[in-house]
Amino acid sequence: DLRYDWERALARIAGDEWMDFDALMKDGGGLKTSDEIVLYCKGQSKSTAAFRRLRALGFDRVKVLRGGLDAWSEQVDRKMPRY
């Protein structure tokens, strides 16, 4: 989850973990290259940038939630608030 605190307070996927975008972009934010990671943000822009950065840092098991939280709220959890 690569969103601001106020966004996370509105809507989130259960069981997710928040990650500071700047830390992630700098050095992977303490994640391990062996971790399986699915990135998401509201749309897909920040998560796509983070995906590219992590791949450049040697992360092979990283994916982006296509369409971000907007798509999730339309296709998976229609009760999730949209903003």
PDB file of N, CA and C in Angstrom:
ATOM      1  N   ASP A   1       0.861  -1.174   0.000  1.00  0.00           N
ATOM      2  CA  ASP A   1       0.000   0.000   0.000  1.00  0.00           C
ATOM      3  C   ASP A   1       0.900   1.228   0.000  1.00  0.00           C
ATOM      4  N   LEU A   2       0.837   2.014  -1.057  1.00  0.00           N
ATOM      5  CA  LEU A   2       1.730   3.154  -1.223  1.00  0.00           C
ATOM      6  C   LEU A   2       0.972   4.478  -1.195  1.00  0.00           C
ATOM      7  N   ARG A   3      -0.037   4.586  -0.342  1.00  0.00           N
ATOM      8  CA  ARG A   3      -0.851   5.787  -0.306  1.00  0.00           C
ATOM      9  C   ARG A   3      -0.589   6.599   0.950  1.00  0.00           C
ATOM     10  N   TYR A   4      -1.164   7.806   0.968  1.00  0.00           N
ATOM     11  CA  TYR A   4      -1.065   8.669   2.147  1.00  0.00           C
ATOM     12  C   TYR A   4      -1.921   8.105   3.279  1.00  0.00           C
ATOM     13  N   ASP A   5      -1.621   8.517   4.516  1.00  0.00           N
ATOM     14  CA  ASP A   5      -2.372   8.036   5.680  1.00  0.00           C
ATOM     15  C   ASP A   5      -3.863   8.310   5.555  1.00  0.00           C
ATOM     16  N   TRP A   6      -4.252   9.507   5.072  1.00  0.00           N
ATOM     17  CA  TRP A   6      -5.669   9.848   4.973  1.00  0.00           C
ATOM     18  C   TRP A   6      -6.369   8.953   3.952  1.00  0.00           C
ATOM     19  N   GLU A   7      -5.663   8.530   2.907  1.00  0.00           N
ATOM     20  CA  GLU A   7      -6.254   7.619   1.925  1.00  0.00           C
ATOM     21  C   GLU A   7      -6.447   6.237   2.539  1.00  0.00           C
ATOM     22  N   ARG A   8      -5.461   5.807   3.277  1.00  0.00           N
ATOM     23  CA  ARG A   8      -5.524   4.490   3.922  1.00  0.00           C
ATOM     24  C   ARG A   8      -6.654   4.427   4.933  1.00  0.00           C
ATOM     25  N   ALA A   9      -6.932   5.558   5.599  1.00  0.00           N
ATOM     26  CA  ALA A   9      -8.035   5.606   6.563  1.00  0.00           C
ATOM     27  C   ALA A   9      -9.383   5.439   5.867  1.00  0.00           C
ATOM     28  N   LEU A  10      -9.472   5.837   4.611  1.00  0.00           N
ATOM     29  CA  LEU A  10     -10.729   5.730   3.862  1.00  0.00           C
ATOM     30  C   LEU A  10     -10.991   4.318   3.338  1.00  0.00           C
ATOM     31  N   ALA A  11      -9.944   3.707   2.794  1.00  0.00           N
ATOM     32  CA  ALA A  11     -10.129   2.402   2.159  1.00  0.00           C
ATOM     33  C   ALA A  11      -8.792   1.674   2.096  1.00  0.00           C
ATOM     34  N   ARG A  12      -8.863   0.357   2.312  1.00  0.00           N
ATOM     35  CA  ARG A  12      -7.662  -0.470   2.214  1.00  0.00           C
ATOM     36  C   ARG A  12      -8.057  -1.923   2.000  1.00  0.00           C
ATOM     37  N   ILE A  13      -7.109  -2.704   1.543  1.00  0.00           N
ATOM     38  CA  ILE A  13      -7.312  -4.133   1.377  1.00  0.00           C
ATOM     39  C   ILE A  13      -6.879  -4.809   2.675  1.00  0.00           C
ATOM     40  N   ALA A  14      -7.755  -5.611   3.229  1.00  0.00           N
ATOM     41  CA  ALA A  14      -7.465  -6.285   4.504  1.00  0.00           C
ATOM     42  C   ALA A  14      -6.173  -7.083   4.408  1.00  0.00           C
ATOM     43  N   GLY A  15      -5.357  -6.950   5.436  1.00  0.00           N
ATOM     44  CA  GLY A  15      -4.122  -7.708   5.513  1.00  0.00           C
ATOM     45  C   GLY A  15      -2.932  -7.061   4.822  1.00  0.00           C
ATOM     46  N   ASP A  16      -3.153  -5.889   4.235  1.00  0.00           N
ATOM     47  CA  ASP A  16      -2.045  -5.229   3.543  1.00  0.00           C
ATOM     48  C   ASP A  16      -1.070  -4.599   4.529  1.00  0.00           C
ATOM     49  N   GLU A  17       0.058  -4.187   4.035  1.00  0.00           N
ATOM     50  CA  GLU A  17       1.050  -3.471   4.837  1.00  0.00           C
ATOM     51  C   GLU A  17       1.384  -2.176   4.127  1.00  0.00           C
ATOM     52  N   TRP A  18       1.410  -1.084   4.889  1.00  0.00           N
ATOM     53  CA  TRP A  18       1.744   0.209   4.319  1.00  0.00           C
ATOM     54  C   TRP A  18       3.255   0.317   4.181  1.00  0.00           C
ATOM     55  N   MET A  19       3.698   0.937   3.103  1.00  0.00           N
ATOM     56  CA  MET A  19       5.121   1.139   2.863  1.00  0.00           C
ATOM     57  C   MET A  19       5.349   2.591   2.479  1.00  0.00           C
ATOM     58  N   ASP A  20       6.352   3.218   3.103  1.00  0.00           N
ATOM     59  CA  ASP A  20       6.717   4.578   2.757  1.00  0.00           C
ATOM     60  C   ASP A  20       7.284   4.596   1.333  1.00  0.00           C
ATOM     61  N   PHE A  21       6.655   5.363   0.462  1.00  0.00           N
ATOM     62  CA  PHE A  21       7.029   5.398  -0.945  1.00  0.00           C
ATOM     63  C   PHE A  21       8.478   5.861  -1.130  1.00  0.00           C
ATOM     64  N   ASP A  22       8.873   6.911  -0.417  1.00  0.00           N
ATOM     65  CA  ASP A  22      10.237   7.442  -0.562  1.00  0.00           C
ATOM     66  C   ASP A  22      11.293   6.422  -0.135  1.00  0.00           C
ATOM     67  N   ALA A  23      11.050   5.733   0.966  1.00  0.00           N
ATOM     68  CA  ALA A  23      11.992   4.708   1.434  1.00  0.00           C
ATOM     69  C   ALA A  23      12.068   3.553   0.442  1.00  0.00           C
ATOM     70  N   LEU A  24      10.935   3.169  -0.077  1.00  0.00           N
ATOM     71  CA  LEU A  24      10.897   2.082  -1.048  1.00  0.00           C
ATOM     72  C   LEU A  24      11.686   2.465  -2.297  1.00  0.00           C
ATOM     73  N   MET A  25      11.516   3.696  -2.762  1.00  0.00           N
ATOM     74  CA  MET A  25      12.201   4.153  -3.964  1.00  0.00           C
ATOM     75  C   MET A  25      13.705   4.313  -3.736  1.00  0.00           C
ATOM     76  N   LYS A  26      14.095   4.622  -2.515  1.00  0.00           N
ATOM     77  CA  LYS A  26      15.516   4.824  -2.217  1.00  0.00           C
ATOM     78  C   LYS A  26      16.290   3.508  -2.225  1.00  0.00           C
ATOM     79  N   ASP A  27      15.823   2.557  -1.407  1.00  0.00           N
ATOM     80  CA  ASP A  27      16.618   1.337  -1.243  1.00  0.00           C
ATOM     81  C   ASP A  27      15.792   0.075  -1.022  1.00  0.00           C
ATOM     82  N   GLY A  28      14.522   0.134  -1.354  1.00  0.00           N
ATOM     83  CA  GLY A  28      13.669  -1.029  -1.149  1.00  0.00           C
ATOM     84  C   GLY A  28      12.964  -1.036   0.185  1.00  0.00           C
ATOM     85  N   GLY A  29      13.200  -0.018   1.002  1.00  0.00           N
ATOM     86  CA  GLY A  29      12.472   0.147   2.254  1.00  0.00           C
ATOM     87  C   GLY A  29      12.608  -0.997   3.247  1.00  0.00           C
ATOM     88  N   GLY A  30      13.687  -1.746   3.181  1.00  0.00           N
ATOM     89  CA  GLY A  30      13.887  -2.844   4.117  1.00  0.00           C
ATOM     90  C   GLY A  30      13.279  -4.159   3.669  1.00  0.00           C
ATOM     91  N   LEU A  31      12.668  -4.187   2.514  1.00  0.00           N
ATOM     92  CA  LEU A  31      12.124  -5.438   1.988  1.00  0.00           C
ATOM     93  C   LEU A  31      13.253  -6.347   1.536  1.00  0.00           C
ATOM     94  N   LYS A  32      12.979  -7.635   1.491  1.00  0.00           N
ATOM     95  CA  LYS A  32      13.975  -8.608   1.036  1.00  0.00           C
ATOM     96  C   LYS A  32      13.702  -8.948  -0.425  1.00  0.00           C
ATOM     97  N   THR A  33      14.753  -9.130  -1.190  1.00  0.00           N
ATOM     98  CA  THR A  33      14.569  -9.450  -2.610  1.00  0.00           C
ATOM     99  C   THR A  33      13.852 -10.780  -2.808  1.00  0.00           C
ATOM    100  N   SER A  34      13.839 -11.628  -1.793  1.00  0.00           N
ATOM    101  CA  SER A  34      13.161 -12.923  -1.887  1.00  0.00           C
ATOM    102  C   SER A  34      11.670 -12.831  -1.550  1.00  0.00           C
ATOM    103  N   ASP A  35      11.229 -11.678  -1.014  1.00  0.00           N
ATOM    104  CA  ASP A  35       9.817 -11.506  -0.651  1.00  0.00           C
ATOM    105  C   ASP A  35       8.921 -11.495  -1.893  1.00  0.00           C
ATOM    106  N   GLU A  36       7.729 -12.069  -1.754  1.00  0.00           N
ATOM    107  CA  GLU A  36       6.713 -11.933  -2.794  1.00  0.00           C
ATOM    108  C   GLU A  36       5.931 -10.665  -2.469  1.00  0.00           C
ATOM    109  N   ILE A  37       5.899  -9.723  -3.407  1.00  0.00           N
ATOM    110  CA  ILE A  37       5.347  -8.398  -3.151  1.00  0.00           C
ATOM    111  C   ILE A  37       4.314  -8.050  -4.211  1.00  0.00           C
ATOM    112  N   VAL A  38       3.154  -7.570  -3.759  1.00  0.00           N
ATOM    113  CA  VAL A  38       2.147  -7.011  -4.653  1.00  0.00           C
ATOM    114  C   VAL A  38       1.949  -5.565  -4.225  1.00  0.00           C
ATOM    115  N   LEU A  39       2.255  -4.654  -5.116  1.00  0.00           N
ATOM    116  CA  LEU A  39       2.152  -3.228  -4.847  1.00  0.00           C
ATOM    117  C   LEU A  39       0.810  -2.690  -5.307  1.00  0.00           C
ATOM    118  N   TYR A  40       0.259  -1.740  -4.544  1.00  0.00           N
ATOM    119  CA  TYR A  40      -0.925  -1.039  -5.027  1.00  0.00           C
ATOM    120  C   TYR A  40      -0.969   0.371  -4.485  1.00  0.00           C
ATOM    121  N   CYS A  41      -1.628   1.216  -5.238  1.00  0.00           N
ATOM    122  CA  CYS A  41      -1.925   2.591  -4.851  1.00  0.00           C
ATOM    123  C   CYS A  41      -3.347   2.854  -5.347  1.00  0.00           C
ATOM    124  N   LYS A  42      -3.797   4.074  -5.337  1.00  0.00           N
ATOM    125  CA  LYS A  42      -5.182   4.360  -5.731  1.00  0.00           C
ATOM    126  C   LYS A  42      -5.433   3.981  -7.193  1.00  0.00           C
ATOM    127  N   GLY A  43      -4.590   4.465  -8.055  1.00  0.00           N
ATOM    128  CA  GLY A  43      -4.744   4.181  -9.481  1.00  0.00           C
ATOM    129  C   GLY A  43      -3.785   3.090  -9.896  1.00  0.00           C
ATOM    130  N   GLN A  44      -2.607   3.496 -10.250  1.00  0.00           N
ATOM    131  CA  GLN A  44      -1.552   2.531 -10.533  1.00  0.00           C
ATOM    132  C   GLN A  44      -0.229   3.245 -10.764  1.00  0.00           C
ATOM    133  N   SER A  45      -0.213   4.561 -10.704  1.00  0.00           N
ATOM    134  CA  SER A  45       0.996   5.305 -11.061  1.00  0.00           C
ATOM    135  C   SER A  45       2.149   5.104 -10.074  1.00  0.00           C
ATOM    136  N   LYS A  46       1.910   5.289  -8.778  1.00  0.00           N
ATOM    137  CA  LYS A  46       2.987   5.116  -7.795  1.00  0.00           C
ATOM    138  C   LYS A  46       3.436   3.659  -7.719  1.00  0.00           C
ATOM    139  N   SER A  47       2.499   2.751  -7.792  1.00  0.00           N
ATOM    140  CA  SER A  47       2.880   1.335  -7.692  1.00  0.00           C
ATOM    141  C   SER A  47       3.688   0.894  -8.915  1.00  0.00           C
ATOM    142  N   THR A  48       3.406   1.447 -10.081  1.00  0.00           N
ATOM    143  CA  THR A  48       4.182   1.115 -11.275  1.00  0.00           C
ATOM    144  C   THR A  48       5.601   1.663 -11.160  1.00  0.00           C
ATOM    145  N   ALA A  49       5.731   2.884 -10.659  1.00  0.00           N
ATOM    146  CA  ALA A  49       7.065   3.463 -10.445  1.00  0.00           C
ATOM    147  C   ALA A  49       7.841   2.636  -9.427  1.00  0.00           C
ATOM    148  N   ALA A  50       7.183   2.217  -8.353  1.00  0.00           N
ATOM    149  CA  ALA A  50       7.833   1.400  -7.327  1.00  0.00           C
ATOM    150  C   ALA A  50       8.223   0.036  -7.891  1.00  0.00           C
ATOM    151  N   PHE A  51       7.369  -0.534  -8.712  1.00  0.00           N
ATOM    152  CA  PHE A  51       7.668  -1.814  -9.370  1.00  0.00           C
ATOM    153  C   PHE A  51       8.961  -1.705 -10.173  1.00  0.00           C
ATOM    154  N   ARG A  52       9.061  -0.670 -10.986  1.00  0.00           N
ATOM    155  CA  ARG A  52      10.255  -0.488 -11.813  1.00  0.00           C
ATOM    156  C   ARG A  52      11.511  -0.332 -10.950  1.00  0.00           C
ATOM    157  N   ARG A  53      11.388   0.419  -9.877  1.00  0.00           N
ATOM    158  CA  ARG A  53      12.529   0.634  -8.991  1.00  0.00           C
ATOM    159  C   ARG A  53      12.954  -0.665  -8.308  1.00  0.00           C
ATOM    160  N   LEU A  54      11.986  -1.409  -7.784  1.00  0.00           N
ATOM    161  CA  LEU A  54      12.316  -2.668  -7.114  1.00  0.00           C
ATOM    162  C   LEU A  54      12.942  -3.666  -8.085  1.00  0.00           C
ATOM    163  N   ARG A  55      12.428  -3.716  -9.291  1.00  0.00           N
ATOM    164  CA  ARG A  55      13.031  -4.608 -10.295  1.00  0.00           C
ATOM    165  C   ARG A  55      14.484  -4.217 -10.543  1.00  0.00           C
ATOM    166  N   ALA A  56      14.749  -2.906 -10.610  1.00  0.00           N
ATOM    167  CA  ALA A  56      16.115  -2.421 -10.817  1.00  0.00           C
ATOM    168  C   ALA A  56      17.023  -2.774  -9.643  1.00  0.00           C
ATOM    169  N   LEU A  57      16.431  -2.913  -8.459  1.00  0.00           N
ATOM    170  CA  LEU A  57      17.183  -3.275  -7.257  1.00  0.00           C
ATOM    171  C   LEU A  57      17.340  -4.790  -7.101  1.00  0.00           C
ATOM    172  N   GLY A  58      16.805  -5.579  -8.039  1.00  0.00           N
ATOM    173  CA  GLY A  58      16.978  -7.024  -7.996  1.00  0.00           C
ATOM    174  C   GLY A  58      15.808  -7.818  -7.453  1.00  0.00           C
ATOM    175  N   PHE A  59      14.667  -7.186  -7.253  1.00  0.00           N
ATOM    176  CA  PHE A  59      13.471  -7.899  -6.791  1.00  0.00           C
ATOM    177  C   PHE A  59      12.824  -8.600  -7.984  1.00  0.00           C
ATOM    178  N   ASP A  60      12.718  -9.922  -7.910  1.00  0.00           N
ATOM    179  CA  ASP A  60      12.133 -10.700  -9.001  1.00  0.00           C
ATOM    180  C   ASP A  60      10.688 -11.103  -8.730  1.00  0.00           C
ATOM    181  N   ARG A  61      10.260 -11.034  -7.479  1.00  0.00           N
ATOM    182  CA  ARG A  61       8.927 -11.524  -7.113  1.00  0.00           C
ATOM    183  C   ARG A  61       8.003 -10.366  -6.746  1.00  0.00           C
ATOM    184  N   VAL A  62       7.986  -9.339  -7.591  1.00  0.00           N
ATOM    185  CA  VAL A  62       7.174  -8.158  -7.341  1.00  0.00           C
ATOM    186  C   VAL A  62       6.169  -7.977  -8.475  1.00  0.00           C
ATOM    187  N   LYS A  63       4.938  -7.617  -8.100  1.00  0.00           N
ATOM    188  CA  LYS A  63       3.848  -7.409  -9.057  1.00  0.00           C
ATOM    189  C   LYS A  63       3.105  -6.136  -8.690  1.00  0.00           C
ATOM    190  N   VAL A  64       2.298  -5.657  -9.632  1.00  0.00           N
ATOM    191  CA  VAL A  64       1.451  -4.482  -9.417  1.00  0.00           C
ATOM    192  C   VAL A  64      -0.004  -4.908  -9.534  1.00  0.00           C
ATOM    193  N   LEU A  65      -0.828  -4.455  -8.605  1.00  0.00           N
ATOM    194  CA  LEU A  65      -2.260  -4.706  -8.686  1.00  0.00           C
ATOM    195  C   LEU A  65      -2.813  -3.869  -9.834  1.00  0.00           C
ATOM    196  N   ARG A  66      -3.194  -4.517 -10.900  1.00  0.00           N
ATOM    197  CA  ARG A  66      -3.654  -3.827 -12.105  1.00  0.00           C
ATOM    198  C   ARG A  66      -4.882  -2.968 -11.808  1.00  0.00           C
ATOM    199  N   GLY A  67      -4.760  -1.692 -12.127  1.00  0.00           N
ATOM    200  CA  GLY A  67      -5.864  -0.762 -11.908  1.00  0.00           C
ATOM    201  C   GLY A  67      -5.916  -0.184 -10.503  1.00  0.00           C
ATOM    202  N   GLY A  68      -5.060  -0.690  -9.621  1.00  0.00           N
ATOM    203  CA  GLY A  68      -4.983  -0.183  -8.261  1.00  0.00           C
ATOM    204  C   GLY A  68      -6.244  -0.398  -7.445  1.00  0.00           C
ATOM    205  N   LEU A  69      -6.358   0.397  -6.393  1.00  0.00           N
ATOM    206  CA  LEU A  69      -7.489   0.273  -5.476  1.00  0.00           C
ATOM    207  C   LEU A  69      -8.810   0.634  -6.158  1.00  0.00           C
ATOM    208  N   ASP A  70      -8.761   1.513  -7.158  1.00  0.00           N
ATOM    209  CA  ASP A  70      -9.980   1.832  -7.910  1.00  0.00           C
ATOM    210  C   ASP A  70     -10.562   0.580  -8.550  1.00  0.00           C
ATOM    211  N   ALA A  71      -9.724  -0.187  -9.219  1.00  0.00           N
ATOM    212  CA  ALA A  71     -10.196  -1.417  -9.864  1.00  0.00           C
ATOM    213  C   ALA A  71     -10.646  -2.442  -8.832  1.00  0.00           C
ATOM    214  N   TRP A  72      -9.911  -2.546  -7.730  1.00  0.00           N
ATOM    215  CA  TRP A  72     -10.284  -3.491  -6.673  1.00  0.00           C
ATOM    216  C   TRP A  72     -11.696  -3.188  -6.161  1.00  0.00           C
ATOM    217  N   SER A  73     -11.975  -1.899  -5.946  1.00  0.00           N
ATOM    218  CA  SER A  73     -13.283  -1.525  -5.408  1.00  0.00           C
ATOM    219  C   SER A  73     -14.404  -1.740  -6.422  1.00  0.00           C
ATOM    220  N   GLU A  74     -14.089  -1.747  -7.696  1.00  0.00           N
ATOM    221  CA  GLU A  74     -15.095  -2.012  -8.729  1.00  0.00           C
ATOM    222  C   GLU A  74     -15.292  -3.499  -8.980  1.00  0.00           C
ATOM    223  N   GLN A  75     -14.216  -4.270  -8.939  1.00  0.00           N
ATOM    224  CA  GLN A  75     -14.261  -5.655  -9.379  1.00  0.00           C
ATOM    225  C   GLN A  75     -14.271  -6.695  -8.264  1.00  0.00           C
ATOM    226  N   VAL A  76     -13.762  -6.339  -7.087  1.00  0.00           N
ATOM    227  CA  VAL A  76     -13.634  -7.331  -6.017  1.00  0.00           C
ATOM    228  C   VAL A  76     -14.487  -6.978  -4.807  1.00  0.00           C
ATOM    229  N   ASP A  77     -14.365  -5.749  -4.327  1.00  0.00           N
ATOM    230  CA  ASP A  77     -15.055  -5.339  -3.102  1.00  0.00           C
ATOM    231  C   ASP A  77     -15.851  -4.058  -3.357  1.00  0.00           C
ATOM    232  N   ARG A  78     -17.065  -4.238  -3.836  1.00  0.00           N
ATOM    233  CA  ARG A  78     -17.908  -3.080  -4.193  1.00  0.00           C
ATOM    234  C   ARG A  78     -18.360  -2.268  -2.992  1.00  0.00           C
ATOM    235  N   LYS A  79     -18.188  -2.800  -1.787  1.00  0.00           N
ATOM    236  CA  LYS A  79     -18.556  -2.056  -0.571  1.00  0.00           C
ATOM    237  C   LYS A  79     -17.435  -1.116  -0.135  1.00  0.00           C
ATOM    238  N   MET A  80     -16.256  -1.271  -0.705  1.00  0.00           N
ATOM    239  CA  MET A  80     -15.129  -0.416  -0.357  1.00  0.00           C
ATOM    240  C   MET A  80     -15.405   1.008  -0.841  1.00  0.00           C
ATOM    241  N   PRO A  81     -15.214   1.995   0.025  1.00  0.00           N
ATOM    242  CA  PRO A  81     -15.429   3.383  -0.397  1.00  0.00           C
ATOM    243  C   PRO A  81     -14.469   3.784  -1.511  1.00  0.00           C
ATOM    244  N   ARG A  82     -14.972   4.570  -2.449  1.00  0.00           N
ATOM    245  CA  ARG A  82     -14.131   5.128  -3.519  1.00  0.00           C
ATOM    246  C   ARG A  82     -13.936   6.595  -3.238  1.00  0.00           C
ATOM    247  N   TYR A  83     -12.800   7.117  -3.578  1.00  0.00           N
ATOM    248  CA  TYR A  83     -12.513   8.524  -3.329  1.00  0.00           C
ATOM    249  C   TYR A  83     -11.773   9.125  -4.504  1.00  0.00           C
TER     250      TYR A  83
END
